[in-house]
Protein backbone atom coordinates (compact mmCIF):
# COMPACT_ATOMS: atom_id res chain seq x y z
CA UNK A 1 167.18 28.39 79.16
CA UNK A 2 167.80 26.13 76.16
CA UNK A 3 171.18 26.28 74.48
CA UNK A 4 171.52 26.29 70.71
CA UNK A 5 172.38 22.59 70.83
CA UNK A 6 169.29 21.98 72.97
CA UNK A 7 167.07 23.80 70.49
CA UNK A 8 168.62 21.83 67.63
CA UNK A 9 168.06 18.55 69.47
CA UNK A 10 164.45 19.46 70.20
CA UNK A 11 163.88 20.45 66.56
CA UNK A 12 165.36 17.18 65.35
CA UNK A 13 163.28 15.25 67.84
CA UNK A 14 160.05 16.91 66.73
CA UNK A 15 160.55 17.06 62.98
CA UNK A 16 162.86 14.14 62.35
CA UNK A 17 161.54 10.90 60.89
CA UNK A 18 161.48 7.82 63.09
CA UNK A 19 162.26 4.31 61.81
CA UNK A 20 159.51 2.29 60.15
CA UNK A 21 157.47 0.44 62.79
CA UNK A 22 157.05 -3.33 62.43
CA UNK A 23 154.26 -4.39 60.10
CA UNK A 24 152.76 -6.41 62.94
CA UNK A 25 152.49 -3.28 65.12
CA UNK A 26 150.51 -1.45 62.44
CA UNK A 27 148.19 -4.43 62.00
CA UNK A 28 147.69 -5.11 65.72
CA UNK A 29 146.94 -1.48 66.58
CA UNK A 30 144.35 -1.44 63.80
CA UNK A 31 142.68 -4.56 65.17
CA UNK A 32 142.74 -3.16 68.71
CA UNK A 33 141.12 0.07 67.52
CA UNK A 34 138.44 -1.89 65.67
CA UNK A 35 137.67 -3.98 68.77
CA UNK A 36 137.39 -0.85 70.91
CA UNK A 37 134.98 0.76 68.44
CA UNK A 38 132.83 -2.37 68.19
CA UNK A 39 132.76 -3.27 71.90
CA UNK A 40 130.24 -1.51 74.11
CA UNK A 41 132.16 -0.62 77.28
CA UNK A 42 135.53 0.26 75.68
CA UNK A 43 133.69 2.36 73.09
CA UNK A 44 131.70 4.11 75.82
CA UNK A 45 134.98 5.16 77.48
CA UNK A 46 137.07 5.91 74.39
CA UNK A 47 134.27 7.75 72.59
CA UNK A 48 135.18 10.85 74.58
CA UNK A 49 138.18 11.26 72.26
CA UNK A 50 135.79 11.33 69.30
CA UNK A 51 133.69 13.96 71.06
CA UNK A 52 136.78 16.11 71.65
CA UNK A 53 137.61 15.93 67.94
CA UNK A 54 133.96 16.56 66.98
CA UNK A 55 133.60 19.70 69.09
CA UNK A 56 137.10 20.84 68.14
CA UNK A 57 136.07 20.62 64.49
CA UNK A 58 133.03 22.81 65.11
CA UNK A 59 135.17 25.33 67.00
CA UNK A 60 137.98 25.53 64.44
CA UNK A 61 135.67 25.99 61.46
CA UNK A 62 133.59 28.54 63.35
CA UNK A 63 136.75 30.63 63.85
CA UNK A 64 137.92 30.12 60.27
CA UNK A 65 134.58 31.33 58.90
CA UNK A 66 134.60 34.48 61.01
CA UNK A 67 132.22 33.43 63.76
CA UNK A 68 132.97 34.30 67.39
CA UNK A 69 133.58 31.26 69.55
CA UNK A 70 131.72 31.46 72.86
CA UNK A 71 132.83 28.22 74.43
CA UNK A 72 132.92 24.41 74.35
CA UNK A 73 131.37 21.96 76.80
CA UNK A 74 132.14 18.24 77.05
CA UNK A 75 129.80 16.02 79.05
CA UNK A 76 130.27 12.73 80.85
CA UNK A 77 127.72 11.02 78.57
CA UNK A 78 130.18 11.73 75.68
CA UNK A 79 127.96 14.44 74.24
CA UNK A 80 129.27 17.95 73.68
CA UNK A 81 128.26 21.47 72.74
CA UNK A 82 130.09 24.24 70.91
CA UNK A 83 128.58 27.72 71.00
CA UNK A 84 129.51 30.42 68.52
CA UNK A 85 128.05 33.81 67.66
CA UNK A 86 127.42 35.16 64.19
CA UNK A 87 124.87 34.96 61.42
CA UNK A 88 122.46 32.09 62.08
CA UNK A 89 122.38 31.33 58.36
CA UNK A 90 124.87 31.35 55.48
CA UNK A 91 127.93 29.35 54.51
CA UNK A 92 129.75 30.03 57.76
CA UNK A 93 127.05 28.31 59.77
CA UNK A 94 126.74 25.50 57.23
CA UNK A 95 130.47 24.73 57.31
CA UNK A 96 130.51 24.95 61.10
CA UNK A 97 127.74 22.36 61.34
CA UNK A 98 129.36 20.15 58.72
CA UNK A 99 132.67 20.04 60.58
CA UNK A 100 131.61 18.10 63.66
CA UNK A 101 130.94 14.61 62.32
CA UNK A 102 133.71 14.93 59.73
CA UNK A 103 136.43 16.15 62.11
CA UNK A 104 137.47 12.86 63.80
CA UNK A 105 137.94 11.07 60.47
CA UNK A 106 139.70 14.00 58.80
CA UNK A 107 142.00 14.47 61.80
CA UNK A 108 142.71 10.75 61.62
CA UNK A 109 143.50 11.10 57.91
CA UNK A 110 145.94 13.96 58.66
CA UNK A 111 147.50 11.80 61.35
CA UNK A 112 147.84 8.91 58.92
CA UNK A 113 149.63 11.25 56.51
CA UNK A 114 152.14 12.17 59.24
CA UNK A 115 152.62 8.53 60.22
CA UNK A 116 153.09 7.61 56.57
CA UNK A 117 156.14 9.89 56.70
CA UNK A 118 157.23 8.39 60.04
CA UNK A 119 156.66 11.70 61.86
CA UNK A 120 155.48 9.99 65.04
CA UNK A 121 156.79 12.49 67.59
CA UNK A 122 155.53 15.43 65.54
CA UNK A 123 152.06 13.87 65.44
CA UNK A 124 151.99 13.53 69.22
CA UNK A 125 153.11 17.11 69.78
CA UNK A 126 150.63 18.50 67.26
CA UNK A 127 147.94 16.64 69.22
CA UNK A 128 149.15 18.26 72.46
CA UNK A 129 149.12 21.71 70.85
CA UNK A 130 145.56 21.26 69.57
CA UNK A 131 144.36 20.05 72.97
CA UNK A 132 145.95 23.05 74.70
CA UNK A 133 144.35 25.43 72.21
CA UNK A 134 140.97 23.83 72.80
CA UNK A 135 141.40 23.90 76.59
CA UNK A 136 141.24 27.69 76.57
CA UNK A 137 137.65 27.56 75.30
CA UNK A 138 136.32 24.81 77.60
CA UNK A 139 133.53 26.04 79.86
CA UNK A 140 132.82 23.13 82.22
CA UNK A 141 134.76 21.08 84.77
CA UNK A 142 134.34 17.70 83.09
CA UNK A 143 135.60 19.17 79.82
CA UNK A 144 138.68 20.62 81.51
CA UNK A 145 139.44 17.30 83.22
CA UNK A 146 138.97 15.40 79.94
CA UNK A 147 141.40 17.61 78.02
CA UNK A 148 143.99 17.78 80.81
CA UNK A 149 143.98 14.00 81.24
CA UNK A 150 144.08 13.35 77.49
CA UNK A 151 146.84 15.89 76.92
CA UNK A 152 148.79 14.60 79.91
CA UNK A 153 148.69 11.04 78.61
CA UNK A 154 149.85 12.12 75.15
CA UNK A 155 152.67 14.24 76.64
CA UNK A 156 153.90 11.44 78.91
CA UNK A 157 153.94 8.98 76.03
CA UNK A 158 155.78 11.42 73.76
CA UNK A 159 158.37 12.48 76.33
CA UNK A 160 159.01 9.52 78.62
CA UNK A 161 158.45 6.36 76.60
CA UNK A 162 160.68 4.57 74.07
CA UNK A 163 160.13 4.84 70.34
CA UNK A 164 158.22 1.56 70.00
CA UNK A 165 155.69 2.59 72.66
CA UNK A 166 155.24 5.98 70.99
CA UNK A 167 154.67 4.26 67.67
CA UNK A 168 152.09 1.86 69.10
CA UNK A 169 150.24 4.71 70.83
CA UNK A 170 150.26 6.94 67.74
CA UNK A 171 149.10 4.21 65.37
CA UNK A 172 146.38 3.07 67.76
CA UNK A 173 145.16 6.65 68.15
CA UNK A 174 145.04 7.31 64.42
CA UNK A 175 143.34 4.01 63.68
CA UNK A 176 140.80 4.81 66.39
CA UNK A 177 139.96 8.20 64.90
CA UNK A 178 139.63 6.72 61.41
CA UNK A 179 137.45 3.79 62.46
CA UNK A 180 135.71 5.56 65.33
CA UNK A 181 134.72 8.45 63.09
CA UNK A 182 132.35 6.14 61.21
CA UNK A 183 130.32 4.70 64.09
CA UNK A 184 128.77 7.98 65.37
CA UNK A 185 127.21 8.54 61.95
CA UNK A 186 125.30 5.29 62.29
CA UNK A 187 124.36 6.19 65.85
CA UNK A 188 123.16 9.57 64.63
CA UNK A 189 120.76 8.05 62.12
CA UNK A 190 119.50 5.49 64.65
CA UNK A 191 118.62 8.26 67.10
CA UNK A 192 117.08 10.38 64.33
CA UNK A 193 114.89 7.50 63.19
CA UNK A 194 113.57 7.16 66.76
CA UNK A 195 112.87 10.89 67.03
CA UNK A 196 115.38 11.29 69.84
CA UNK A 197 117.70 13.80 68.17
CA UNK A 198 115.54 16.47 66.49
CA UNK A 199 118.22 19.16 66.69
CA UNK A 200 121.14 17.12 65.35
CA UNK A 201 123.77 18.65 63.09
CA UNK A 202 122.12 16.92 60.11
CA UNK A 203 118.69 18.35 60.96
CA UNK A 204 120.07 21.83 61.51
CA UNK A 205 121.78 21.57 58.11
CA UNK A 206 118.45 20.48 56.63
CA UNK A 207 116.83 23.59 58.06
CA UNK A 208 119.53 25.85 56.64
CA UNK A 209 119.83 24.28 53.20
CA UNK A 210 116.38 22.70 52.61
CA UNK A 211 118.22 19.48 51.79
CA UNK A 212 116.89 16.51 53.81
CA UNK A 213 118.74 15.50 56.95
CA UNK A 214 119.18 11.98 55.62
CA UNK A 215 121.29 13.39 52.79
CA UNK A 216 123.66 14.99 55.30
CA UNK A 217 123.90 11.79 57.32
CA UNK A 218 124.83 9.96 54.12
CA UNK A 219 127.35 12.67 53.28
CA UNK A 220 128.98 12.28 56.70
CA UNK A 221 129.15 8.53 56.21
CA UNK A 222 130.62 8.65 52.71
CA UNK A 223 133.31 11.19 53.64
CA UNK A 224 134.29 9.27 56.76
CA UNK A 225 134.44 5.95 54.93
CA UNK A 226 136.61 7.56 52.23
CA UNK A 227 138.88 8.96 54.95
CA UNK A 228 139.14 5.51 56.52
CA UNK A 229 140.15 3.90 53.23
CA UNK A 230 142.64 6.66 52.38
CA UNK A 231 144.05 6.62 55.91
CA UNK A 232 144.47 2.85 55.87
CA UNK A 233 146.35 3.14 52.58
CA UNK A 234 148.66 5.78 54.08
CA UNK A 235 149.32 3.72 57.19
CA UNK A 236 150.19 0.72 55.05
CA UNK A 237 152.25 2.69 52.50
CA UNK A 238 155.70 2.08 54.07
CA UNK A 239 155.15 -1.66 53.69
CA UNK A 240 153.76 -1.79 50.15
């Protein structure tokens, strides 16, 4: 059982601000994230984190709009599926579909905001909480393994490593979400142009709104690019 001093220490650890990281750390983690996103094999492995954020975005917005969440599946090919019950049309369904491709970049932007205030430990623990909440709704073995491993890594970094390692991990993760949120939009349009993704989020939105799928792909891209620019500004703010 935690004593009052223990609770106070834990509170300070979670919500206290950490020292500014070195400028070089912020720059290097950004470059590393960019290389991972642009390089085939590292991207193939790391893209699973983008899928987790994508499906988590669908799930969260489905709940917020009053839909009933049936479950989430994550697959080894980095695809995913979120099932919810409710009206097949209307704003709730539109917002649920919109959330997927926007979620990684917007989560990255929120993370950049926390890092801009030097809330590194808080960022890591918020990530753990979100992963645990999502784990409850996972409906396949690979998805469970993915979330347990991801959450375990984040927990170990936040609890057992020194401040500079936590900072490097947090900045790399946020940079990856910001940069990595852009690439799937381009992949989406490539697959659409080849007729290989007829039921994509953009095409489902087109069916619901009668606005062409290409418009929604462009919308995803513009929002994610704006999030990248805003997030980069927040990450650099302590040094400007």
